[in-house]
Amino acid sequence: MALRNDNTPVRANVNGHILSQPITFYDQFLISQISARRFRNVLRIIGETLGRFPVGVPDWWYQHRVEYLISKGVLDYKKDGQGIGSLELGSVRLKG
């Protein structure tokens, strides 16, 4: 019942309990896969995040969060021409 009254945008299953979390909750999983020293391909980062943290978050959510972190200046971005089909996400690194 408490979740129903809470307006937090993300619900997460943490140790078998559904908890309200800020929209940034899953960013920690992405950021743990990103280096401050070298650029890494975004598709690789998303794939590794999905593989290492199988928490049920879809790939499109991580893509959205990477794009948001780029727009807020948390990540440096460079287009590298790598991608799948028309999806060219480039590479990122932590600003530092």
PDB file of N, CA and C in Angstrom:
ATOM      1  N   MET A   1       0.815  -1.195   0.000  1.00  0.00           N
ATOM      2  CA  MET A   1       0.000   0.000   0.000  1.00  0.00           C
ATOM      3  C   MET A   1       0.862   1.265   0.000  1.00  0.00           C
ATOM      4  N   ALA A   2       1.995   1.232   0.694  1.00  0.00           N
ATOM      5  CA  ALA A   2       2.861   2.406   0.749  1.00  0.00           C
ATOM      6  C   ALA A   2       3.418   2.743  -0.632  1.00  0.00           C
ATOM      7  N   LEU A   3       3.716   1.722  -1.446  1.00  0.00           N
ATOM      8  CA  LEU A   3       4.232   1.976  -2.789  1.00  0.00           C
ATOM      9  C   LEU A   3       3.218   2.718  -3.651  1.00  0.00           C
ATOM     10  N   ARG A   4       1.966   2.424  -3.437  1.00  0.00           N
ATOM     11  CA  ARG A   4       0.917   3.053  -4.234  1.00  0.00           C
ATOM     12  C   ARG A   4       0.894   4.574  -4.011  1.00  0.00           C
ATOM     13  N   ASN A   5       1.196   5.000  -2.795  1.00  0.00           N
ATOM     14  CA  ASN A   5       1.183   6.422  -2.464  1.00  0.00           C
ATOM     15  C   ASN A   5       2.499   7.117  -2.801  1.00  0.00           C
ATOM     16  N   ASP A   6       3.529   6.349  -3.048  1.00  0.00           N
ATOM     17  CA  ASP A   6       4.843   6.900  -3.351  1.00  0.00           C
ATOM     18  C   ASP A   6       4.923   7.229  -4.833  1.00  0.00           C
ATOM     19  N   ASN A   7       5.435   8.398  -5.170  1.00  0.00           N
ATOM     20  CA  ASN A   7       5.502   8.818  -6.568  1.00  0.00           C
ATOM     21  C   ASN A   7       6.905   8.663  -7.153  1.00  0.00           C
ATOM     22  N   THR A   8       7.742   7.825  -6.556  1.00  0.00           N
ATOM     23  CA  THR A   8       9.081   7.583  -7.078  1.00  0.00           C
ATOM     24  C   THR A   8       8.954   6.829  -8.404  1.00  0.00           C
ATOM     25  N   PRO A   9       9.753   7.227  -9.420  1.00  0.00           N
ATOM     26  CA  PRO A   9       9.555   6.674 -10.767  1.00  0.00           C
ATOM     27  C   PRO A   9      10.013   5.232 -10.978  1.00  0.00           C
ATOM     28  N   VAL A  10      10.847   4.682 -10.085  1.00  0.00           N
ATOM     29  CA  VAL A  10      11.389   3.345 -10.303  1.00  0.00           C
ATOM     30  C   VAL A  10      11.046   2.444  -9.128  1.00  0.00           C
ATOM     31  N   ARG A  11      10.652   1.229  -9.454  1.00  0.00           N
ATOM     32  CA  ARG A  11      10.453   0.200  -8.438  1.00  0.00           C
ATOM     33  C   ARG A  11      11.521  -0.859  -8.671  1.00  0.00           C
ATOM     34  N   ALA A  12      12.186  -1.281  -7.626  1.00  0.00           N
ATOM     35  CA  ALA A  12      13.255  -2.264  -7.758  1.00  0.00           C
ATOM     36  C   ALA A  12      13.023  -3.396  -6.776  1.00  0.00           C
ATOM     37  N   ASN A  13      13.335  -4.622  -7.223  1.00  0.00           N
ATOM     38  CA  ASN A  13      13.274  -5.786  -6.357  1.00  0.00           C
ATOM     39  C   ASN A  13      14.650  -5.933  -5.709  1.00  0.00           C
ATOM     40  N   VAL A  14      14.742  -5.589  -4.444  1.00  0.00           N
ATOM     41  CA  VAL A  14      15.996  -5.650  -3.710  1.00  0.00           C
ATOM     42  C   VAL A  14      15.846  -6.691  -2.607  1.00  0.00           C
ATOM     43  N   ASN A  15      16.576  -7.801  -2.764  1.00  0.00           N
ATOM     44  CA  ASN A  15      16.514  -8.898  -1.783  1.00  0.00           C
ATOM     45  C   ASN A  15      15.086  -9.372  -1.533  1.00  0.00           C
ATOM     46  N   GLY A  16      14.313  -9.467  -2.605  1.00  0.00           N
ATOM     47  CA  GLY A  16      12.958  -9.988  -2.502  1.00  0.00           C
ATOM     48  C   GLY A  16      11.919  -8.971  -2.059  1.00  0.00           C
ATOM     49  N   HIS A  17      12.299  -7.724  -1.919  1.00  0.00           N
ATOM     50  CA  HIS A  17      11.380  -6.670  -1.506  1.00  0.00           C
ATOM     51  C   HIS A  17      11.291  -5.622  -2.609  1.00  0.00           C
ATOM     52  N   ILE A  18      10.058  -5.239  -2.964  1.00  0.00           N
ATOM     53  CA  ILE A  18       9.854  -4.192  -3.953  1.00  0.00           C
ATOM     54  C   ILE A  18       9.992  -2.850  -3.242  1.00  0.00           C
ATOM     55  N   LEU A  19      10.958  -2.050  -3.700  1.00  0.00           N
ATOM     56  CA  LEU A  19      11.241  -0.766  -3.070  1.00  0.00           C
ATOM     57  C   LEU A  19      11.186   0.356  -4.094  1.00  0.00           C
ATOM     58  N   SER A  20      10.749   1.507  -3.663  1.00  0.00           N
ATOM     59  CA  SER A  20      10.802   2.699  -4.504  1.00  0.00           C
ATOM     60  C   SER A  20      12.225   3.215  -4.524  1.00  0.00           C
ATOM     61  N   GLN A  21      12.666   3.624  -5.700  1.00  0.00           N
ATOM     62  CA  GLN A  21      14.032   4.112  -5.857  1.00  0.00           C
ATOM     63  C   GLN A  21      14.022   5.343  -6.757  1.00  0.00           C
ATOM     64  N   PRO A  22      15.042   6.177  -6.652  1.00  0.00           N
ATOM     65  CA  PRO A  22      15.141   7.304  -7.587  1.00  0.00           C
ATOM     66  C   PRO A  22      15.449   6.797  -8.992  1.00  0.00           C
ATOM     67  N   ILE A  23      15.203   7.624  -9.967  1.00  0.00           N
ATOM     68  CA  ILE A  23      15.414   7.233 -11.361  1.00  0.00           C
ATOM     69  C   ILE A  23      16.872   6.873 -11.635  1.00  0.00           C
ATOM     70  N   THR A  24      17.771   7.328 -10.807  1.00  0.00           N
ATOM     71  CA  THR A  24      19.208   7.075 -10.975  1.00  0.00           C
ATOM     72  C   THR A  24      19.657   5.736 -10.384  1.00  0.00           C
ATOM     73  N   PHE A  25      18.760   4.962  -9.826  1.00  0.00           N
ATOM     74  CA  PHE A  25      19.123   3.737  -9.103  1.00  0.00           C
ATOM     75  C   PHE A  25      19.990   2.781  -9.914  1.00  0.00           C
ATOM     76  N   TYR A  26      19.632   2.528 -11.161  1.00  0.00           N
ATOM     77  CA  TYR A  26      20.366   1.555 -11.972  1.00  0.00           C
ATOM     78  C   TYR A  26      21.619   2.135 -12.628  1.00  0.00           C
ATOM     79  N   ASP A  27      21.825   3.447 -12.510  1.00  0.00           N
ATOM     80  CA  ASP A  27      23.021   4.075 -13.083  1.00  0.00           C
ATOM     81  C   ASP A  27      24.296   3.483 -12.501  1.00  0.00           C
ATOM     82  N   GLN A  28      24.258   3.081 -11.237  1.00  0.00           N
ATOM     83  CA  GLN A  28      25.452   2.510 -10.599  1.00  0.00           C
ATOM     84  C   GLN A  28      25.953   1.276 -11.334  1.00  0.00           C
ATOM     85  N   PHE A  29      25.060   0.488 -11.904  1.00  0.00           N
ATOM     86  CA  PHE A  29      25.460  -0.706 -12.649  1.00  0.00           C
ATOM     87  C   PHE A  29      26.182  -0.315 -13.943  1.00  0.00           C
ATOM     88  N   LEU A  30      25.638   0.690 -14.629  1.00  0.00           N
ATOM     89  CA  LEU A  30      26.282   1.193 -15.854  1.00  0.00           C
ATOM     90  C   LEU A  30      27.643   1.804 -15.556  1.00  0.00           C
ATOM     91  N   ILE A  31      27.681   2.686 -14.579  1.00  0.00           N
ATOM     92  CA  ILE A  31      28.908   3.420 -14.275  1.00  0.00           C
ATOM     93  C   ILE A  31      30.034   2.485 -13.864  1.00  0.00           C
ATOM     94  N   SER A  32      29.685   1.372 -13.240  1.00  0.00           N
ATOM     95  CA  SER A  32      30.729   0.422 -12.836  1.00  0.00           C
ATOM     96  C   SER A  32      31.413  -0.217 -14.049  1.00  0.00           C
ATOM     97  N   GLN A  33      30.812  -0.121 -15.236  1.00  0.00           N
ATOM     98  CA  GLN A  33      31.381  -0.693 -16.455  1.00  0.00           C
ATOM     99  C   GLN A  33      32.114   0.336 -17.311  1.00  0.00           C
ATOM    100  N   ILE A  34      32.153   1.602 -16.848  1.00  0.00           N
ATOM    101  CA  ILE A  34      32.720   2.687 -17.647  1.00  0.00           C
ATOM    102  C   ILE A  34      34.017   3.170 -17.006  1.00  0.00           C
ATOM    103  N   SER A  35      35.014   3.357 -17.838  1.00  0.00           N
ATOM    104  CA  SER A  35      36.344   3.793 -17.390  1.00  0.00           C
ATOM    105  C   SER A  35      36.479   5.310 -17.516  1.00  0.00           C
ATOM    106  N   ALA A  36      37.296   5.897 -16.660  1.00  0.00           N
ATOM    107  CA  ALA A  36      37.623   7.317 -16.790  1.00  0.00           C
ATOM    108  C   ALA A  36      38.835   7.513 -17.704  1.00  0.00           C
ATOM    109  N   ARG A  37      39.580   6.442 -17.952  1.00  0.00           N
ATOM    110  CA  ARG A  37      40.824   6.552 -18.725  1.00  0.00           C
ATOM    111  C   ARG A  37      40.655   6.331 -20.218  1.00  0.00           C
ATOM    112  N   ARG A  38      39.707   5.478 -20.591  1.00  0.00           N
ATOM    113  CA  ARG A  38      39.579   5.191 -22.022  1.00  0.00           C
ATOM    114  C   ARG A  38      38.107   5.114 -22.413  1.00  0.00           C
ATOM    115  N   PHE A  39      37.862   5.432 -23.681  1.00  0.00           N
ATOM    116  CA  PHE A  39      36.506   5.335 -24.218  1.00  0.00           C
ATOM    117  C   PHE A  39      36.149   3.869 -24.423  1.00  0.00           C
ATOM    118  N   ARG A  40      34.887   3.542 -24.141  1.00  0.00           N
ATOM    119  CA  ARG A  40      34.378   2.194 -24.379  1.00  0.00           C
ATOM    120  C   ARG A  40      33.084   2.297 -25.165  1.00  0.00           C
ATOM    121  N   ASN A  41      32.868   1.347 -26.052  1.00  0.00           N
ATOM    122  CA  ASN A  41      31.671   1.306 -26.883  1.00  0.00           C
ATOM    123  C   ASN A  41      30.424   1.156 -26.017  1.00  0.00           C
ATOM    124  N   VAL A  42      29.430   2.003 -26.290  1.00  0.00           N
ATOM    125  CA  VAL A  42      28.192   2.000 -25.494  1.00  0.00           C
ATOM    126  C   VAL A  42      27.469   0.668 -25.580  1.00  0.00           C
ATOM    127  N   LEU A  43      27.411   0.069 -26.770  1.00  0.00           N
ATOM    128  CA  LEU A  43      26.722  -1.226 -26.900  1.00  0.00           C
ATOM    129  C   LEU A  43      27.404  -2.302 -26.054  1.00  0.00           C
ATOM    130  N   ARG A  44      28.720  -2.264 -26.004  1.00  0.00           N
ATOM    131  CA  ARG A  44      29.464  -3.218 -25.170  1.00  0.00           C
ATOM    132  C   ARG A  44      29.167  -2.975 -23.686  1.00  0.00           C
ATOM    133  N   ILE A  45      29.138  -1.720 -23.284  1.00  0.00           N
ATOM    134  CA  ILE A  45      28.848  -1.380 -21.886  1.00  0.00           C
ATOM    135  C   ILE A  45      27.469  -1.877 -21.490  1.00  0.00           C
ATOM    136  N   ILE A  46      26.483  -1.635 -22.339  1.00  0.00           N
ATOM    137  CA  ILE A  46      25.117  -2.088 -22.044  1.00  0.00           C
ATOM    138  C   ILE A  46      25.065  -3.610 -21.982  1.00  0.00           C
ATOM    139  N   GLY A  47      25.695  -4.283 -22.937  1.00  0.00           N
ATOM    140  CA  GLY A  47      25.718  -5.753 -22.930  1.00  0.00           C
ATOM    141  C   GLY A  47      26.383  -6.320 -21.693  1.00  0.00           C
ATOM    142  N   GLU A  48      27.517  -5.749 -21.293  1.00  0.00           N
ATOM    143  CA  GLU A  48      28.208  -6.217 -20.088  1.00  0.00           C
ATOM    144  C   GLU A  48      27.377  -5.950 -18.836  1.00  0.00           C
ATOM    145  N   THR A  49      26.703  -4.816 -18.812  1.00  0.00           N
ATOM    146  CA  THR A  49      25.848  -4.499 -17.665  1.00  0.00           C
ATOM    147  C   THR A  49      24.714  -5.510 -17.556  1.00  0.00           C
ATOM    148  N   LEU A  50      24.083  -5.811 -18.681  1.00  0.00           N
ATOM    149  CA  LEU A  50      23.002  -6.808 -18.677  1.00  0.00           C
ATOM    150  C   LEU A  50      23.503  -8.172 -18.227  1.00  0.00           C
ATOM    151  N   GLY A  51      24.704  -8.546 -18.663  1.00  0.00           N
ATOM    152  CA  GLY A  51      25.262  -9.848 -18.314  1.00  0.00           C
ATOM    153  C   GLY A  51      25.713  -9.948 -16.863  1.00  0.00           C
ATOM    154  N   ARG A  52      26.311  -8.895 -16.356  1.00  0.00           N
ATOM    155  CA  ARG A  52      26.849  -8.928 -14.985  1.00  0.00           C
ATOM    156  C   ARG A  52      25.795  -8.657 -13.918  1.00  0.00           C
ATOM    157  N   PHE A  53      24.754  -7.938 -14.295  1.00  0.00           N
ATOM    158  CA  PHE A  53      23.707  -7.579 -13.328  1.00  0.00           C
ATOM    159  C   PHE A  53      22.342  -7.952 -13.903  1.00  0.00           C
ATOM    160  N   PRO A  54      21.993  -9.238 -13.880  1.00  0.00           N
ATOM    161  CA  PRO A  54      20.716  -9.675 -14.462  1.00  0.00           C
ATOM    162  C   PRO A  54      19.534  -9.358 -13.533  1.00  0.00           C
ATOM    163  N   VAL A  55      19.205  -8.071 -13.457  1.00  0.00           N
ATOM    164  CA  VAL A  55      18.159  -7.627 -12.530  1.00  0.00           C
ATOM    165  C   VAL A  55      16.834  -7.335 -13.222  1.00  0.00           C
ATOM    166  N   GLY A  56      16.756  -7.665 -14.516  1.00  0.00           N
ATOM    167  CA  GLY A  56      15.490  -7.504 -15.231  1.00  0.00           C
ATOM    168  C   GLY A  56      15.292  -6.139 -15.874  1.00  0.00           C
ATOM    169  N   VAL A  57      16.336  -5.341 -15.952  1.00  0.00           N
ATOM    170  CA  VAL A  57      16.247  -4.027 -16.597  1.00  0.00           C
ATOM    171  C   VAL A  57      16.484  -4.218 -18.094  1.00  0.00           C
ATOM    172  N   PRO A  58      15.612  -3.675 -18.944  1.00  0.00           N
ATOM    173  CA  PRO A  58      15.797  -3.856 -20.387  1.00  0.00           C
ATOM    174  C   PRO A  58      16.924  -2.987 -20.944  1.00  0.00           C
ATOM    175  N   ASP A  59      17.461  -3.396 -22.090  1.00  0.00           N
ATOM    176  CA  ASP A  59      18.564  -2.663 -22.706  1.00  0.00           C
ATOM    177  C   ASP A  59      18.192  -1.230 -23.054  1.00  0.00           C
ATOM    178  N   TRP A  60      16.943  -1.004 -23.472  1.00  0.00           N
ATOM    179  CA  TRP A  60      16.537   0.349 -23.838  1.00  0.00           C
ATOM    180  C   TRP A  60      16.608   1.290 -22.639  1.00  0.00           C
ATOM    181  N   TRP A  61      16.402   0.789 -21.423  1.00  0.00           N
ATOM    182  CA  TRP A  61      16.490   1.634 -20.227  1.00  0.00           C
ATOM    183  C   TRP A  61      17.936   2.104 -20.025  1.00  0.00           C
ATOM    184  N   TYR A  62      18.872   1.157 -20.149  1.00  0.00           N
ATOM    185  CA  TYR A  62      20.277   1.526 -20.012  1.00  0.00           C
ATOM    186  C   TYR A  62      20.705   2.494 -21.111  1.00  0.00           C
ATOM    187  N   GLN A  63      20.231   2.294 -22.332  1.00  0.00           N
ATOM    188  CA  GLN A  63      20.552   3.210 -23.426  1.00  0.00           C
ATOM    189  C   GLN A  63      20.049   4.613 -23.083  1.00  0.00           C
ATOM    190  N   HIS A  64      18.828   4.702 -22.601  1.00  0.00           N
ATOM    191  CA  HIS A  64      18.254   5.989 -22.209  1.00  0.00           C
ATOM    192  C   HIS A  64      19.098   6.650 -21.119  1.00  0.00           C
ATOM    193  N   ARG A  65      19.539   5.869 -20.136  1.00  0.00           N
ATOM    194  CA  ARG A  65      20.321   6.434 -19.036  1.00  0.00           C
ATOM    195  C   ARG A  65      21.696   6.890 -19.521  1.00  0.00           C
ATOM    196  N   VAL A  66      22.319   6.148 -20.438  1.00  0.00           N
ATOM    197  CA  VAL A  66      23.604   6.586 -20.996  1.00  0.00           C
ATOM    198  C   VAL A  66      23.407   7.924 -21.714  1.00  0.00           C
ATOM    199  N   GLU A  67      22.376   8.024 -22.520  1.00  0.00           N
ATOM    200  CA  GLU A  67      22.105   9.272 -23.235  1.00  0.00           C
ATOM    201  C   GLU A  67      21.873  10.415 -22.258  1.00  0.00           C
ATOM    202  N   TYR A  68      21.165  10.152 -21.184  1.00  0.00           N
ATOM    203  CA  TYR A  68      20.919  11.171 -20.170  1.00  0.00           C
ATOM    204  C   TYR A  68      22.229  11.595 -19.490  1.00  0.00           C
ATOM    205  N   LEU A  69      23.061  10.625 -19.122  1.00  0.00           N
ATOM    206  CA  LEU A  69      24.337  10.939 -18.470  1.00  0.00           C
ATOM    207  C   LEU A  69      25.256  11.738 -19.387  1.00  0.00           C
ATOM    208  N   ILE A  70      25.192  11.476 -20.690  1.00  0.00           N
ATOM    209  CA  ILE A  70      25.943  12.279 -21.664  1.00  0.00           C
ATOM    210  C   ILE A  70      25.407  13.705 -21.666  1.00  0.00           C
ATOM    211  N   SER A  71      24.084  13.841 -21.713  1.00  0.00           N
ATOM    212  CA  SER A  71      23.468  15.178 -21.781  1.00  0.00           C
ATOM    213  C   SER A  71      23.742  16.000 -20.532  1.00  0.00           C
ATOM    214  N   LYS A  72      23.953  15.359 -19.401  1.00  0.00           N
ATOM    215  CA  LYS A  72      24.226  16.072 -18.154  1.00  0.00           C
ATOM    216  C   LYS A  72      25.719  16.273 -17.902  1.00  0.00           C
ATOM    217  N   GLY A  73      26.563  15.812 -18.821  1.00  0.00           N
ATOM    218  CA  GLY A  73      27.990  16.031 -18.692  1.00  0.00           C
ATOM    219  C   GLY A  73      28.708  15.078 -17.763  1.00  0.00           C
ATOM    220  N   VAL A  74      28.056  13.994 -17.376  1.00  0.00           N
ATOM    221  CA  VAL A  74      28.694  12.985 -16.525  1.00  0.00           C
ATOM    222  C   VAL A  74      29.657  12.138 -17.343  1.00  0.00           C
ATOM    223  N   LEU A  75      29.295  11.905 -18.615  1.00  0.00           N
ATOM    224  CA  LEU A  75      30.102  11.081 -19.513  1.00  0.00           C
ATOM    225  C   LEU A  75      30.592  11.905 -20.697  1.00  0.00           C
ATOM    226  N   ASP A  76      31.831  11.656 -21.108  1.00  0.00           N
ATOM    227  CA  ASP A  76      32.345  12.169 -22.379  1.00  0.00           C
ATOM    228  C   ASP A  76      31.870  11.221 -23.471  1.00  0.00           C
ATOM    229  N   TYR A  77      31.541  11.761 -24.634  1.00  0.00           N
ATOM    230  CA  TYR A  77      31.039  10.957 -25.749  1.00  0.00           C
ATOM    231  C   TYR A  77      31.857  11.226 -26.994  1.00  0.00           C
ATOM    232  N   LYS A  78      32.112  10.180 -27.745  1.00  0.00           N
ATOM    233  CA  LYS A  78      32.672  10.349 -29.088  1.00  0.00           C
ATOM    234  C   LYS A  78      32.017   9.331 -30.007  1.00  0.00           C
ATOM    235  N   LYS A  79      31.647   9.802 -31.173  1.00  0.00           N
ATOM    236  CA  LYS A  79      31.056   8.923 -32.181  1.00  0.00           C
ATOM    237  C   LYS A  79      32.176   8.106 -32.798  1.00  0.00           C
ATOM    238  N   ASP A  80      31.982   6.804 -32.879  1.00  0.00           N
ATOM    239  CA  ASP A  80      33.049   5.961 -33.431  1.00  0.00           C
ATOM    240  C   ASP A  80      32.599   5.124 -34.607  1.00  0.00           C
ATOM    241  N   GLY A  81      31.363   5.312 -35.053  1.00  0.00           N
ATOM    242  CA  GLY A  81      30.889   4.596 -36.225  1.00  0.00           C
ATOM    243  C   GLY A  81      30.521   3.146 -35.974  1.00  0.00           C
ATOM    244  N   GLN A  82      30.692   2.667 -34.738  1.00  0.00           N
ATOM    245  CA  GLN A  82      30.325   1.282 -34.437  1.00  0.00           C
ATOM    246  C   GLN A  82      28.882   1.241 -33.975  1.00  0.00           C
ATOM    247  N   GLY A  83      28.218   0.188 -34.307  1.00  0.00           N
ATOM    248  CA  GLY A  83      26.841   0.032 -33.910  1.00  0.00           C
ATOM    249  C   GLY A  83      26.229  -1.163 -34.594  1.00  0.00           C
ATOM    250  N   ILE A  84      24.944  -1.281 -34.448  1.00  0.00           N
ATOM    251  CA  ILE A  84      24.202  -2.369 -35.074  1.00  0.00           C
ATOM    252  C   ILE A  84      23.135  -1.727 -35.948  1.00  0.00           C
ATOM    253  N   GLY A  85      23.206  -1.954 -37.231  1.00  0.00           N
ATOM    254  CA  GLY A  85      22.247  -1.348 -38.141  1.00  0.00           C
ATOM    255  C   GLY A  85      22.325   0.168 -38.072  1.00  0.00           C
ATOM    256  N   SER A  86      21.174   0.791 -37.843  1.00  0.00           N
ATOM    257  CA  SER A  86      21.135   2.252 -37.762  1.00  0.00           C
ATOM    258  C   SER A  86      21.447   2.755 -36.348  1.00  0.00           C
ATOM    259  N   LEU A  87      21.644   1.846 -35.400  1.00  0.00           N
ATOM    260  CA  LEU A  87      21.928   2.229 -34.022  1.00  0.00           C
ATOM    261  C   LEU A  87      23.423   2.458 -33.854  1.00  0.00           C
ATOM    262  N   GLU A  88      23.824   3.710 -33.889  1.00  0.00           N
ATOM    263  CA  GLU A  88      25.230   4.066 -33.708  1.00  0.00           C
ATOM    264  C   GLU A  88      25.363   4.877 -32.440  1.00  0.00           C
ATOM    265  N   LEU A  89      25.795   4.249 -31.386  1.00  0.00           N
ATOM    266  CA  LEU A  89      25.843   4.925 -30.101  1.00  0.00           C
ATOM    267  C   LEU A  89      27.224   5.468 -29.756  1.00  0.00           C
ATOM    268  N   GLY A  90      28.254   5.086 -30.424  1.00  0.00           N
ATOM    269  CA  GLY A  90      29.585   5.600 -30.140  1.00  0.00           C
ATOM    270  C   GLY A  90      30.178   5.035 -28.863  1.00  0.00           C
ATOM    271  N   SER A  91      31.093   5.825 -28.287  1.00  0.00           N
ATOM    272  CA  SER A  91      31.817   5.384 -27.096  1.00  0.00           C
ATOM    273  C   SER A  91      31.764   6.474 -26.033  1.00  0.00           C
ATOM    274  N   VAL A  92      31.902   6.055 -24.783  1.00  0.00           N
ATOM    275  CA  VAL A  92      31.865   6.983 -23.663  1.00  0.00           C
ATOM    276  C   VAL A  92      32.971   6.672 -22.671  1.00  0.00           C
ATOM    277  N   ARG A  93      33.265   7.656 -21.842  1.00  0.00           N
ATOM    278  CA  ARG A  93      34.122   7.465 -20.687  1.00  0.00           C
ATOM    279  C   ARG A  93      33.654   8.425 -19.607  1.00  0.00           C
ATOM    280  N   LEU A  94      33.994   8.126 -18.370  1.00  0.00           N
ATOM    281  CA  LEU A  94      33.646   9.017 -17.270  1.00  0.00           C
ATOM    282  C   LEU A  94      34.461  10.297 -17.387  1.00  0.00           C
ATOM    283  N   LYS A  95      33.808  11.412 -17.151  1.00  0.00           N
ATOM    284  CA  LYS A  95      34.558  12.671 -17.140  1.00  0.00           C
ATOM    285  C   LYS A  95      35.440  12.678 -15.916  1.00  0.00           C
ATOM    286  N   GLY A  96      36.630  13.139 -16.095  1.00  0.00           N
ATOM    287  CA  GLY A  96      37.528  13.121 -14.940  1.00  0.00           C
ATOM    288  C   GLY A  96      38.633  14.018 -15.076  1.00  0.00           C
TER     289      GLY A  96
END
